[in-house]
C-alpha cells in the first residue's frame, strides 16, 4: 500500500497487519464480525466484552451501538460515518487541502449518538415543562442557553473555548417552533468536529458534517439548508458544514437547492466532498470498502 496507516507511536501498520489485529480481537470476543454477502463487505462491531476492555484501558465508552438489530442500511451508514471519522483522525491529513484542517484527536469527534445522549435529558425536562405551559420547544431553550453562554463568555465568567464542553446539548441544532416555518425544530448532524480549543471570541470554529449515502428530497434539503444558514449566521456553535456523499445525485440536488437563495456553497459555509478511500479514490454505492480505506 503506497499510504500505510500510522500507529500512535509512529510505526506504520500495513493493511494486512490491521486485518490480523481485527481478527485477533474477534477471537478474543472484543469484536463481532458480520459479512454482507450482497456487497462482500465485512463489518466489525464492538461487543460488551470489548466495551469492558476499552474501559479498563482508560477509553470511556459511554455511547455504544451494537450491530445486533441494525438494518443493513443503518449498518452501512454507520460504516461510512466511521470511515469519515477515521480519515479525520488519520495522521495522513486527508482534509488538509479540502477543508484546511489538520488531523484531529478522537476526542474532538462527536457522533450523532453522543449528541442524542446529551439532548435526551433536555428533551425530557422540556416534556415535563410542557405539562405546565403546553409547549416543549427545544429551539427556544437552545436560544436561551446560547444567549446565556455568550453573556457569560463576554463577561469572563466562561471561556469561549468551553461553551460546547459546558453545554454539549448545544451541538444539537434547534430553532423555535413557529407555524409555517421550514426551519427544523431539532436536527443532529451525523458528526461534529470540535475545533474550539483555541477559540478566543464569539466566532465558533466547529464543523458539522453529514454523511449521505442516498439522496433526500428537495423539501428535505430545503429545510436543512435553511436551518444551516441560520445556524452559521449565529456562529456561536458551528462555523460551517460539510456534506459527504457517495451518490453523485446528492451534490447535484444540494447545489440546486442552495442556489435558490441560501448560497452557503458560494460563501464557503458548506463544502461538498465525495467519500474517498485512503488512496483518494471516490467510493461508490454497492462497492466494497477496502480495509485499507479505513486508516
C-alpha atoms as a PDB file:
ATOM      1  CA  UNK A   1       0.000   0.000   0.000  1.00  0.00           C
ATOM      2  CA  UNK A   2       1.530   3.352  -1.006  1.00  0.00           C
ATOM      3  CA  UNK A   3      -0.034   5.098   2.012  1.00  0.00           C
ATOM      4  CA  UNK A   4       0.206   2.806   5.046  1.00  0.00           C
ATOM      5  CA  UNK A   5      -1.653   3.756   8.203  1.00  0.00           C
ATOM      6  CA  UNK A   6       0.405   5.186  11.042  1.00  0.00           C
ATOM      7  CA  UNK A   7       0.016   3.984  14.601  1.00  0.00           C
ATOM      8  CA  UNK A   8       0.132   6.448  17.535  1.00  0.00           C
ATOM      9  CA  UNK A   9       3.766   5.544  18.256  1.00  0.00           C
ATOM     10  CA  UNK A  10       4.804   6.452  14.726  1.00  0.00           C
ATOM     11  CA  UNK A  11       5.200   2.931  13.341  1.00  0.00           C
ATOM     12  CA  UNK A  12       3.348   2.031  10.179  1.00  0.00           C
ATOM     13  CA  UNK A  13       0.657  -0.623  10.085  1.00  0.00           C
ATOM     14  CA  UNK A  14       0.189  -2.367   6.789  1.00  0.00           C
ATOM     15  CA  UNK A  15      -3.324  -3.322   5.732  1.00  0.00           C
ATOM     16  CA  UNK A  16      -2.607  -6.967   6.365  1.00  0.00           C
ATOM     17  CA  UNK A  17      -1.410  -6.164   9.864  1.00  0.00           C
ATOM     18  CA  UNK A  18      -4.591  -4.232  10.599  1.00  0.00           C
ATOM     19  CA  UNK A  19      -6.627  -7.179   9.339  1.00  0.00           C
ATOM     20  CA  UNK A  20      -4.762  -9.532  11.673  1.00  0.00           C
ATOM     21  CA  UNK A  21      -5.400  -7.243  14.639  1.00  0.00           C
ATOM     22  CA  UNK A  22      -9.116  -7.200  13.889  1.00  0.00           C
ATOM     23  CA  UNK A  23      -9.173 -10.982  13.575  1.00  0.00           C
ATOM     24  CA  UNK A  24      -7.401 -11.315  16.930  1.00  0.00           C
ATOM     25  CA  UNK A  25      -9.946  -9.020  18.591  1.00  0.00           C
ATOM     26  CA  UNK A  26     -12.729 -11.195  17.128  1.00  0.00           C
ATOM     27  CA  UNK A  27     -11.105 -14.326  18.602  1.00  0.00           C
ATOM     28  CA  UNK A  28     -10.814 -12.579  21.977  1.00  0.00           C
ATOM     29  CA  UNK A  29     -14.504 -11.721  21.868  1.00  0.00           C
ATOM     30  CA  UNK A  30     -13.902  -7.967  21.856  1.00  0.00           C
ATOM     31  CA  UNK A  31     -15.296  -7.551  18.343  1.00  0.00           C
ATOM     32  CA  UNK A  32     -18.099  -9.194  16.429  1.00  0.00           C
ATOM     33  CA  UNK A  33     -17.871  -9.750  12.693  1.00  0.00           C
ATOM     34  CA  UNK A  34     -20.634  -9.699  10.085  1.00  0.00           C
ATOM     35  CA  UNK A  35     -20.187 -10.222   6.362  1.00  0.00           C
ATOM     36  CA  UNK A  36     -22.742  -8.728   3.999  1.00  0.00           C
ATOM     37  CA  UNK A  37     -22.883 -11.264   1.181  1.00  0.00           C
ATOM     38  CA  UNK A  38     -24.589  -8.771  -1.148  1.00  0.00           C
ATOM     39  CA  UNK A  39     -21.775  -6.211  -1.022  1.00  0.00           C
ATOM     40  CA  UNK A  40     -18.988  -8.625   0.007  1.00  0.00           C
ATOM     41  CA  UNK A  41     -18.178  -6.226   2.832  1.00  0.00           C
ATOM     42  CA  UNK A  42     -17.082  -7.330   6.283  1.00  0.00           C
ATOM     43  CA  UNK A  43     -18.330  -5.208   9.175  1.00  0.00           C
ATOM     44  CA  UNK A  44     -16.777  -5.203  12.637  1.00  0.00           C
ATOM     45  CA  UNK A  45     -18.622  -4.076  15.748  1.00  0.00           C
ATOM     46  CA  UNK A  46     -17.650  -3.890  19.392  1.00  0.00           C
ATOM     47  CA  UNK A  47     -19.080  -6.367  21.907  1.00  0.00           C
ATOM     48  CA  UNK A  48     -19.879  -5.934  25.591  1.00  0.00           C
ATOM     49  CA  UNK A  49     -16.594  -7.640  26.371  1.00  0.00           C
ATOM     50  CA  UNK A  50     -14.846  -5.171  24.083  1.00  0.00           C
ATOM     51  CA  UNK A  51     -16.510  -2.257  25.853  1.00  0.00           C
ATOM     52  CA  UNK A  52     -15.305  -3.582  29.209  1.00  0.00           C
ATOM     53  CA  UNK A  53     -11.776  -3.976  27.858  1.00  0.00           C
ATOM     54  CA  UNK A  54     -11.796  -0.434  26.483  1.00  0.00           C
ATOM     55  CA  UNK A  55     -12.859   0.931  29.865  1.00  0.00           C
ATOM     56  CA  UNK A  56     -10.057  -0.983  31.583  1.00  0.00           C
ATOM     57  CA  UNK A  57      -7.527   0.751  29.325  1.00  0.00           C
ATOM     58  CA  UNK A  58      -8.951   4.184  30.070  1.00  0.00           C
ATOM     59  CA  UNK A  59     -11.118   4.692  26.989  1.00  0.00           C
ATOM     60  CA  UNK A  60     -14.597   5.904  28.030  1.00  0.00           C
ATOM     61  CA  UNK A  61     -17.363   4.072  26.173  1.00  0.00           C
ATOM     62  CA  UNK A  62     -20.488   5.923  27.225  1.00  0.00           C
ATOM     63  CA  UNK A  63     -22.219   5.878  23.853  1.00  0.00           C
ATOM     64  CA  UNK A  64     -22.173   2.472  22.202  1.00  0.00           C
ATOM     65  CA  UNK A  65     -24.225   0.909  19.427  1.00  0.00           C
ATOM     66  CA  UNK A  66     -24.010  -2.820  18.831  1.00  0.00           C
ATOM     67  CA  UNK A  67     -24.520  -4.409  15.420  1.00  0.00           C
ATOM     68  CA  UNK A  68     -27.305  -6.727  16.594  1.00  0.00           C
ATOM     69  CA  UNK A  69     -30.665  -5.456  15.397  1.00  0.00           C
ATOM     70  CA  UNK A  70     -29.309  -2.858  12.993  1.00  0.00           C
ATOM     71  CA  UNK A  71     -30.751  -2.788   9.488  1.00  0.00           C
ATOM     72  CA  UNK A  72     -28.283  -3.221   6.634  1.00  0.00           C
ATOM     73  CA  UNK A  73     -28.895   0.379   5.562  1.00  0.00           C
ATOM     74  CA  UNK A  74     -28.138   1.744   9.038  1.00  0.00           C
ATOM     75  CA  UNK A  75     -25.121  -0.532   9.336  1.00  0.00           C
ATOM     76  CA  UNK A  76     -23.809   0.809   6.023  1.00  0.00           C
ATOM     77  CA  UNK A  77     -24.486   4.383   7.122  1.00  0.00           C
ATOM     78  CA  UNK A  78     -22.619   3.820  10.397  1.00  0.00           C
ATOM     79  CA  UNK A  79     -19.743   2.311   8.456  1.00  0.00           C
ATOM     80  CA  UNK A  80     -19.473   5.380   6.242  1.00  0.00           C
ATOM     81  CA  UNK A  81     -19.600   7.735   9.235  1.00  0.00           C
ATOM     82  CA  UNK A  82     -16.847   5.687  10.894  1.00  0.00           C
ATOM     83  CA  UNK A  83     -14.867   5.802   7.655  1.00  0.00           C
ATOM     84  CA  UNK A  84     -15.067   9.612   7.530  1.00  0.00           C
ATOM     85  CA  UNK A  85     -14.137   9.762  11.212  1.00  0.00           C
ATOM     86  CA  UNK A  86     -11.128   7.548  10.602  1.00  0.00           C
ATOM     87  CA  UNK A  87      -9.961   9.807   7.771  1.00  0.00           C
ATOM     88  CA  UNK A  88     -10.343  12.843  10.042  1.00  0.00           C
ATOM     89  CA  UNK A  89      -8.061  11.416  12.745  1.00  0.00           C
ATOM     90  CA  UNK A  90      -5.564   9.828  10.346  1.00  0.00           C
ATOM     91  CA  UNK A  91      -2.079  11.372  10.535  1.00  0.00           C
ATOM     92  CA  UNK A  92      -2.082  11.459   6.733  1.00  0.00           C
ATOM     93  CA  UNK A  93      -4.013  14.752   6.873  1.00  0.00           C
ATOM     94  CA  UNK A  94      -6.676  13.837   4.321  1.00  0.00           C
ATOM     95  CA  UNK A  95      -8.563  17.135   4.775  1.00  0.00           C
ATOM     96  CA  UNK A  96      -5.615  19.493   4.930  1.00  0.00           C
ATOM     97  CA  UNK A  97      -6.324  20.822   1.432  1.00  0.00           C
ATOM     98  CA  UNK A  98     -10.086  20.413   1.054  1.00  0.00           C
ATOM     99  CA  UNK A  99     -11.117  21.737   4.486  1.00  0.00           C
ATOM    100  CA  UNK A 100      -7.957  23.406   5.723  1.00  0.00           C
ATOM    101  CA  UNK A 101      -7.789  21.301   8.892  1.00  0.00           C
ATOM    102  CA  UNK A 102      -5.053  19.105  10.305  1.00  0.00           C
ATOM    103  CA  UNK A 103      -5.721  15.627  11.733  1.00  0.00           C
ATOM    104  CA  UNK A 104      -7.895  15.837  14.834  1.00  0.00           C
ATOM    105  CA  UNK A 105      -7.939  13.826  18.045  1.00  0.00           C
ATOM    106  CA  UNK A 106     -10.609  11.185  18.517  1.00  0.00           C
ATOM    107  CA  UNK A 107     -11.962  13.231  21.431  1.00  0.00           C
ATOM    108  CA  UNK A 108     -12.753  16.069  19.020  1.00  0.00           C
ATOM    109  CA  UNK A 109     -15.290  13.948  17.137  1.00  0.00           C
ATOM    110  CA  UNK A 110     -18.867  13.930  18.414  1.00  0.00           C
ATOM    111  CA  UNK A 111     -21.222  11.403  16.867  1.00  0.00           C
ATOM    112  CA  UNK A 112     -24.962  11.743  16.392  1.00  0.00           C
ATOM    113  CA  UNK A 113     -25.454   9.156  19.140  1.00  0.00           C
ATOM    114  CA  UNK A 114     -23.384  11.253  21.559  1.00  0.00           C
ATOM    115  CA  UNK A 115     -25.471  14.294  20.629  1.00  0.00           C
ATOM    116  CA  UNK A 116     -28.683  12.368  21.249  1.00  0.00           C
ATOM    117  CA  UNK A 117     -27.406  11.317  24.672  1.00  0.00           C
ATOM    118  CA  UNK A 118     -26.860  14.923  25.760  1.00  0.00           C
ATOM    119  CA  UNK A 119     -30.061  16.105  24.079  1.00  0.00           C
ATOM    120  CA  UNK A 120     -32.312  13.467  25.674  1.00  0.00           C
ATOM    121  CA  UNK A 121     -32.245  14.867  29.261  1.00  0.00           C
ATOM    122  CA  UNK A 122     -33.141  18.300  27.872  1.00  0.00           C
ATOM    123  CA  UNK A 123     -35.990  16.796  25.862  1.00  0.00           C
ATOM    124  CA  UNK A 124     -37.343  15.024  28.968  1.00  0.00           C
ATOM    125  CA  UNK A 125     -37.077  18.224  31.000  1.00  0.00           C
ATOM    126  CA  UNK A 126     -38.973  20.110  28.311  1.00  0.00           C
ATOM    127  CA  UNK A 127     -41.658  17.420  28.188  1.00  0.00           C
ATOM    128  CA  UNK A 128     -42.266  17.850  31.906  1.00  0.00           C
ATOM    129  CA  UNK A 129     -42.328  21.598  31.463  1.00  0.00           C
ATOM    130  CA  UNK A 130     -44.847  21.191  28.656  1.00  0.00           C
ATOM    131  CA  UNK A 131     -47.263  19.651  31.142  1.00  0.00           C
ATOM    132  CA  UNK A 132     -47.338  23.091  32.778  1.00  0.00           C
ATOM    133  CA  UNK A 133     -47.379  25.500  29.819  1.00  0.00           C
ATOM    134  CA  UNK A 134     -48.213  23.164  26.933  1.00  0.00           C
ATOM    135  CA  UNK A 135     -45.051  23.814  24.916  1.00  0.00           C
ATOM    136  CA  UNK A 136     -41.931  21.650  24.626  1.00  0.00           C
ATOM    137  CA  UNK A 137     -39.754  23.893  22.493  1.00  0.00           C
ATOM    138  CA  UNK A 138     -36.109  22.814  22.254  1.00  0.00           C
ATOM    139  CA  UNK A 139     -35.285  25.702  19.921  1.00  0.00           C
ATOM    140  CA  UNK A 140     -36.477  28.258  22.434  1.00  0.00           C
ATOM    141  CA  UNK A 141     -34.470  26.552  25.198  1.00  0.00           C
ATOM    142  CA  UNK A 142     -31.388  26.468  22.959  1.00  0.00           C
ATOM    143  CA  UNK A 143     -31.680  30.158  22.111  1.00  0.00           C
ATOM    144  CA  UNK A 144     -31.817  30.978  25.813  1.00  0.00           C
ATOM    145  CA  UNK A 145     -28.748  28.804  26.508  1.00  0.00           C
ATOM    146  CA  UNK A 146     -26.838  30.429  23.641  1.00  0.00           C
ATOM    147  CA  UNK A 147     -27.630  33.900  24.950  1.00  0.00           C
ATOM    148  CA  UNK A 148     -26.633  32.883  28.468  1.00  0.00           C
ATOM    149  CA  UNK A 149     -23.355  31.337  27.304  1.00  0.00           C
ATOM    150  CA  UNK A 150     -22.477  34.334  25.146  1.00  0.00           C
ATOM    151  CA  UNK A 151     -23.144  36.711  28.040  1.00  0.00           C
ATOM    152  CA  UNK A 152     -21.062  34.607  30.437  1.00  0.00           C
ATOM    153  CA  UNK A 153     -18.159  34.426  27.978  1.00  0.00           C
ATOM    154  CA  UNK A 154     -18.337  38.161  27.242  1.00  0.00           C
ATOM    155  CA  UNK A 155     -18.155  38.888  30.970  1.00  0.00           C
ATOM    156  CA  UNK A 156     -15.245  36.496  31.517  1.00  0.00           C
ATOM    157  CA  UNK A 157     -17.198  34.001  33.624  1.00  0.00           C
ATOM    158  CA  UNK A 158     -16.820  31.338  30.926  1.00  0.00           C
ATOM    159  CA  UNK A 159     -14.084  30.772  28.385  1.00  0.00           C
ATOM    160  CA  UNK A 160     -15.247  30.954  24.766  1.00  0.00           C
ATOM    161  CA  UNK A 161     -13.454  27.647  24.205  1.00  0.00           C
ATOM    162  CA  UNK A 162     -15.563  25.995  26.949  1.00  0.00           C
ATOM    163  CA  UNK A 163     -19.027  26.765  25.603  1.00  0.00           C
ATOM    164  CA  UNK A 164     -19.538  23.395  23.883  1.00  0.00           C
ATOM    165  CA  UNK A 165     -17.992  21.402  26.725  1.00  0.00           C
ATOM    166  CA  UNK A 166     -20.136  23.188  29.310  1.00  0.00           C
ATOM    167  CA  UNK A 167     -23.344  22.710  27.281  1.00  0.00           C
ATOM    168  CA  UNK A 168     -22.848  19.755  24.877  1.00  0.00           C
ATOM    169  CA  UNK A 169     -26.575  19.680  24.089  1.00  0.00           C
ATOM    170  CA  UNK A 170     -25.971  22.835  22.034  1.00  0.00           C
ATOM    171  CA  UNK A 171     -24.333  20.654  19.361  1.00  0.00           C
ATOM    172  CA  UNK A 172     -27.883  19.577  18.528  1.00  0.00           C
ATOM    173  CA  UNK A 173     -29.361  22.294  16.325  1.00  0.00           C
ATOM    174  CA  UNK A 174     -32.858  23.520  17.074  1.00  0.00           C
ATOM    175  CA  UNK A 175     -34.988  26.514  16.106  1.00  0.00           C
ATOM    176  CA  UNK A 176     -38.048  27.847  17.949  1.00  0.00           C
ATOM    177  CA  UNK A 177     -41.390  26.445  16.866  1.00  0.00           C
ATOM    178  CA  UNK A 178     -43.219  28.784  14.508  1.00  0.00           C
ATOM    179  CA  UNK A 179     -46.239  27.985  12.406  1.00  0.00           C
ATOM    180  CA  UNK A 180     -45.336  27.691   8.744  1.00  0.00           C
ATOM    181  CA  UNK A 181     -41.568  27.775   9.348  1.00  0.00           C
ATOM    182  CA  UNK A 182     -39.404  25.480   7.238  1.00  0.00           C
ATOM    183  CA  UNK A 183     -36.629  25.560   9.862  1.00  0.00           C
ATOM    184  CA  UNK A 184     -36.077  22.287  11.691  1.00  0.00           C
ATOM    185  CA  UNK A 185     -37.100  22.175  15.344  1.00  0.00           C
ATOM    186  CA  UNK A 186     -34.395  19.592  16.123  1.00  0.00           C
ATOM    187  CA  UNK A 187     -31.516  18.422  13.963  1.00  0.00           C
ATOM    188  CA  UNK A 188     -28.467  16.348  14.871  1.00  0.00           C
ATOM    189  CA  UNK A 189     -25.662  16.152  12.293  1.00  0.00           C
ATOM    190  CA  UNK A 190     -24.054  12.776  11.674  1.00  0.00           C
ATOM    191  CA  UNK A 191     -20.785  14.078  13.057  1.00  0.00           C
ATOM    192  CA  UNK A 192     -19.387  17.225  14.652  1.00  0.00           C
ATOM    193  CA  UNK A 193     -15.722  18.207  14.713  1.00  0.00           C
ATOM    194  CA  UNK A 194     -14.980  20.363  17.748  1.00  0.00           C
ATOM    195  CA  UNK A 195     -12.189  22.804  16.877  1.00  0.00           C
ATOM    196  CA  UNK A 196     -12.845  25.360  19.623  1.00  0.00           C
ATOM    197  CA  UNK A 197      -9.773  24.525  21.705  1.00  0.00           C
ATOM    198  CA  UNK A 198      -8.068  27.842  20.931  1.00  0.00           C
ATOM    199  CA  UNK A 199     -11.235  29.924  20.475  1.00  0.00           C
ATOM    200  CA  UNK A 200     -10.995  33.424  21.969  1.00  0.00           C
ATOM    201  CA  UNK A 201     -14.151  35.198  20.736  1.00  0.00           C
ATOM    202  CA  UNK A 202     -17.788  34.592  19.838  1.00  0.00           C
ATOM    203  CA  UNK A 203     -16.922  33.018  16.491  1.00  0.00           C
ATOM    204  CA  UNK A 204     -17.042  29.240  16.668  1.00  0.00           C
ATOM    205  CA  UNK A 205     -14.645  27.074  14.646  1.00  0.00           C
ATOM    206  CA  UNK A 206     -16.574  23.808  14.873  1.00  0.00           C
ATOM    207  CA  UNK A 207     -17.718  21.936  11.768  1.00  0.00           C
ATOM    208  CA  UNK A 208     -20.920  19.921  11.392  1.00  0.00           C
ATOM    209  CA  UNK A 209     -20.857  17.005   8.976  1.00  0.00           C
ATOM    210  CA  UNK A 210     -23.487  14.982   7.165  1.00  0.00           C
ATOM    211  CA  UNK A 211     -22.642  11.614   5.618  1.00  0.00           C
ATOM    212  CA  UNK A 212     -25.172  10.994   2.863  1.00  0.00           C
ATOM    213  CA  UNK A 213     -25.459   7.506   1.403  1.00  0.00           C
ATOM    214  CA  UNK A 214     -28.596   8.287  -0.617  1.00  0.00           C
ATOM    215  CA  UNK A 215     -30.374  11.379  -1.892  1.00  0.00           C
ATOM    216  CA  UNK A 216     -33.101  13.073   0.155  1.00  0.00           C
ATOM    217  CA  UNK A 217     -35.956  15.087  -1.338  1.00  0.00           C
ATOM    218  CA  UNK A 218     -35.847  18.746  -2.416  1.00  0.00           C
ATOM    219  CA  UNK A 219     -38.111  19.633   0.528  1.00  0.00           C
ATOM    220  CA  UNK A 220     -35.771  17.877   2.973  1.00  0.00           C
ATOM    221  CA  UNK A 221     -32.694  19.727   1.712  1.00  0.00           C
ATOM    222  CA  UNK A 222     -34.612  22.997   1.596  1.00  0.00           C
ATOM    223  CA  UNK A 223     -35.443  22.636   5.287  1.00  0.00           C
ATOM    224  CA  UNK A 224     -31.925  21.510   6.234  1.00  0.00           C
ATOM    225  CA  UNK A 225     -30.134  24.284   4.325  1.00  0.00           C
ATOM    226  CA  UNK A 226     -32.481  26.925   5.737  1.00  0.00           C
ATOM    227  CA  UNK A 227     -31.653  25.636   9.222  1.00  0.00           C
ATOM    228  CA  UNK A 228     -27.919  25.559   8.470  1.00  0.00           C
ATOM    229  CA  UNK A 229     -27.961  29.120   7.132  1.00  0.00           C
ATOM    230  CA  UNK A 230     -29.489  30.411  10.344  1.00  0.00           C
ATOM    231  CA  UNK A 231     -27.062  28.360  12.440  1.00  0.00           C
ATOM    232  CA  UNK A 232     -23.960  29.588  10.627  1.00  0.00           C
ATOM    233  CA  UNK A 233     -25.191  33.177  10.807  1.00  0.00           C
ATOM    234  CA  UNK A 234     -25.476  32.804  14.592  1.00  0.00           C
ATOM    235  CA  UNK A 235     -21.931  31.442  14.576  1.00  0.00           C
ATOM    236  CA  UNK A 236     -21.809  30.525  18.270  1.00  0.00           C
ATOM    237  CA  UNK A 237     -21.617  26.725  17.902  1.00  0.00           C
ATOM    238  CA  UNK A 238     -20.828  25.922  14.265  1.00  0.00           C
ATOM    239  CA  UNK A 239     -18.798  27.899  11.753  1.00  0.00           C
ATOM    240  CA  UNK A 240     -19.537  25.781   8.674  1.00  0.00           C
ATOM    241  CA  UNK A 241     -20.691  22.414   7.402  1.00  0.00           C
ATOM    242  CA  UNK A 242     -19.688  19.563   5.111  1.00  0.00           C
ATOM    243  CA  UNK A 243     -21.810  17.138   3.117  1.00  0.00           C
ATOM    244  CA  UNK A 244     -20.005  13.890   2.328  1.00  0.00           C
ATOM    245  CA  UNK A 245     -21.621  11.848  -0.418  1.00  0.00           C
ATOM    246  CA  UNK A 246     -21.325   8.697  -2.487  1.00  0.00           C
ATOM    247  CA  UNK A 247     -24.232   9.134  -4.897  1.00  0.00           C
ATOM    248  CA  UNK A 248     -23.473  11.989  -7.350  1.00  0.00           C
ATOM    249  CA  UNK A 249     -27.172  12.923  -7.341  1.00  0.00           C
ATOM    250  CA  UNK A 250     -26.654  14.295  -3.805  1.00  0.00           C
ATOM    251  CA  UNK A 251     -24.315  17.207  -4.677  1.00  0.00           C
ATOM    252  CA  UNK A 252     -26.291  17.938  -7.823  1.00  0.00           C
ATOM    253  CA  UNK A 253     -29.514  18.456  -5.881  1.00  0.00           C
ATOM    254  CA  UNK A 254     -27.815  20.260  -2.988  1.00  0.00           C
ATOM    255  CA  UNK A 255     -26.289  22.784  -5.393  1.00  0.00           C
ATOM    256  CA  UNK A 256     -29.660  23.483  -7.000  1.00  0.00           C
ATOM    257  CA  UNK A 257     -31.428  23.939  -3.663  1.00  0.00           C
ATOM    258  CA  UNK A 258     -28.580  26.071  -2.311  1.00  0.00           C
ATOM    259  CA  UNK A 259     -28.808  28.353  -5.362  1.00  0.00           C
ATOM    260  CA  UNK A 260     -32.407  29.290  -4.519  1.00  0.00           C
ATOM    261  CA  UNK A 261     -31.105  31.879  -2.074  1.00  0.00           C
ATOM    262  CA  UNK A 262     -29.037  30.179   0.612  1.00  0.00           C
ATOM    263  CA  UNK A 263     -25.668  30.459  -1.188  1.00  0.00           C
ATOM    264  CA  UNK A 264     -23.873  28.507   1.518  1.00  0.00           C
ATOM    265  CA  UNK A 265     -21.582  26.843  -1.016  1.00  0.00           C
ATOM    266  CA  UNK A 266     -20.703  30.133  -2.676  1.00  0.00           C
ATOM    267  CA  UNK A 267     -19.957  31.760   0.677  1.00  0.00           C
ATOM    268  CA  UNK A 268     -17.708  28.922   1.865  1.00  0.00           C
ATOM    269  CA  UNK A 269     -20.127  27.848   4.578  1.00  0.00           C
ATOM    270  CA  UNK A 270     -20.925  24.473   3.032  1.00  0.00           C
ATOM    271  CA  UNK A 271     -18.473  22.113   1.342  1.00  0.00           C
ATOM    272  CA  UNK A 272     -19.488  19.070  -0.712  1.00  0.00           C
ATOM    273  CA  UNK A 273     -16.972  16.222  -0.719  1.00  0.00           C
ATOM    274  CA  UNK A 274     -17.073  12.701  -2.119  1.00  0.00           C
ATOM    275  CA  UNK A 275     -16.213   9.957   0.364  1.00  0.00           C
ATOM    276  CA  UNK A 276     -12.836   8.646  -0.728  1.00  0.00           C
ATOM    277  CA  UNK A 277     -10.684   5.700   0.230  1.00  0.00           C
ATOM    278  CA  UNK A 278      -7.179   6.169   1.601  1.00  0.00           C
ATOM    279  CA  UNK A 279      -5.779   6.428  -1.922  1.00  0.00           C
ATOM    280  CA  UNK A 280      -8.125   9.258  -2.877  1.00  0.00           C
ATOM    281  CA  UNK A 281     -10.489   7.187  -4.993  1.00  0.00           C
ATOM    282  CA  UNK A 282     -14.186   8.114  -4.559  1.00  0.00           C
ATOM    283  CA  UNK A 283     -16.286   5.299  -3.164  1.00  0.00           C
ATOM    284  CA  UNK A 284     -19.360   4.052  -4.966  1.00  0.00           C
ATOM    285  CA  UNK A 285     -22.558   2.529  -3.622  1.00  0.00           C
ATOM    286  CA  UNK A 286     -22.559  -1.264  -3.518  1.00  0.00           C
ATOM    287  CA  UNK A 287     -18.796  -1.364  -3.884  1.00  0.00           C
ATOM    288  CA  UNK A 288     -16.690  -2.990  -1.265  1.00  0.00           C
ATOM    289  CA  UNK A 289     -14.864  -0.542   1.011  1.00  0.00           C
ATOM    290  CA  UNK A 290     -11.315  -1.896   1.284  1.00  0.00           C
ATOM    291  CA  UNK A 291      -9.967  -2.266   4.787  1.00  0.00           C
ATOM    292  CA  UNK A 292      -7.080  -0.102   3.587  1.00  0.00           C
ATOM    293  CA  UNK A 293      -9.529   2.775   3.222  1.00  0.00           C
ATOM    294  CA  UNK A 294     -10.195   2.861   6.944  1.00  0.00           C
ATOM    295  CA  UNK A 295      -6.866   4.322   8.009  1.00  0.00           C
END
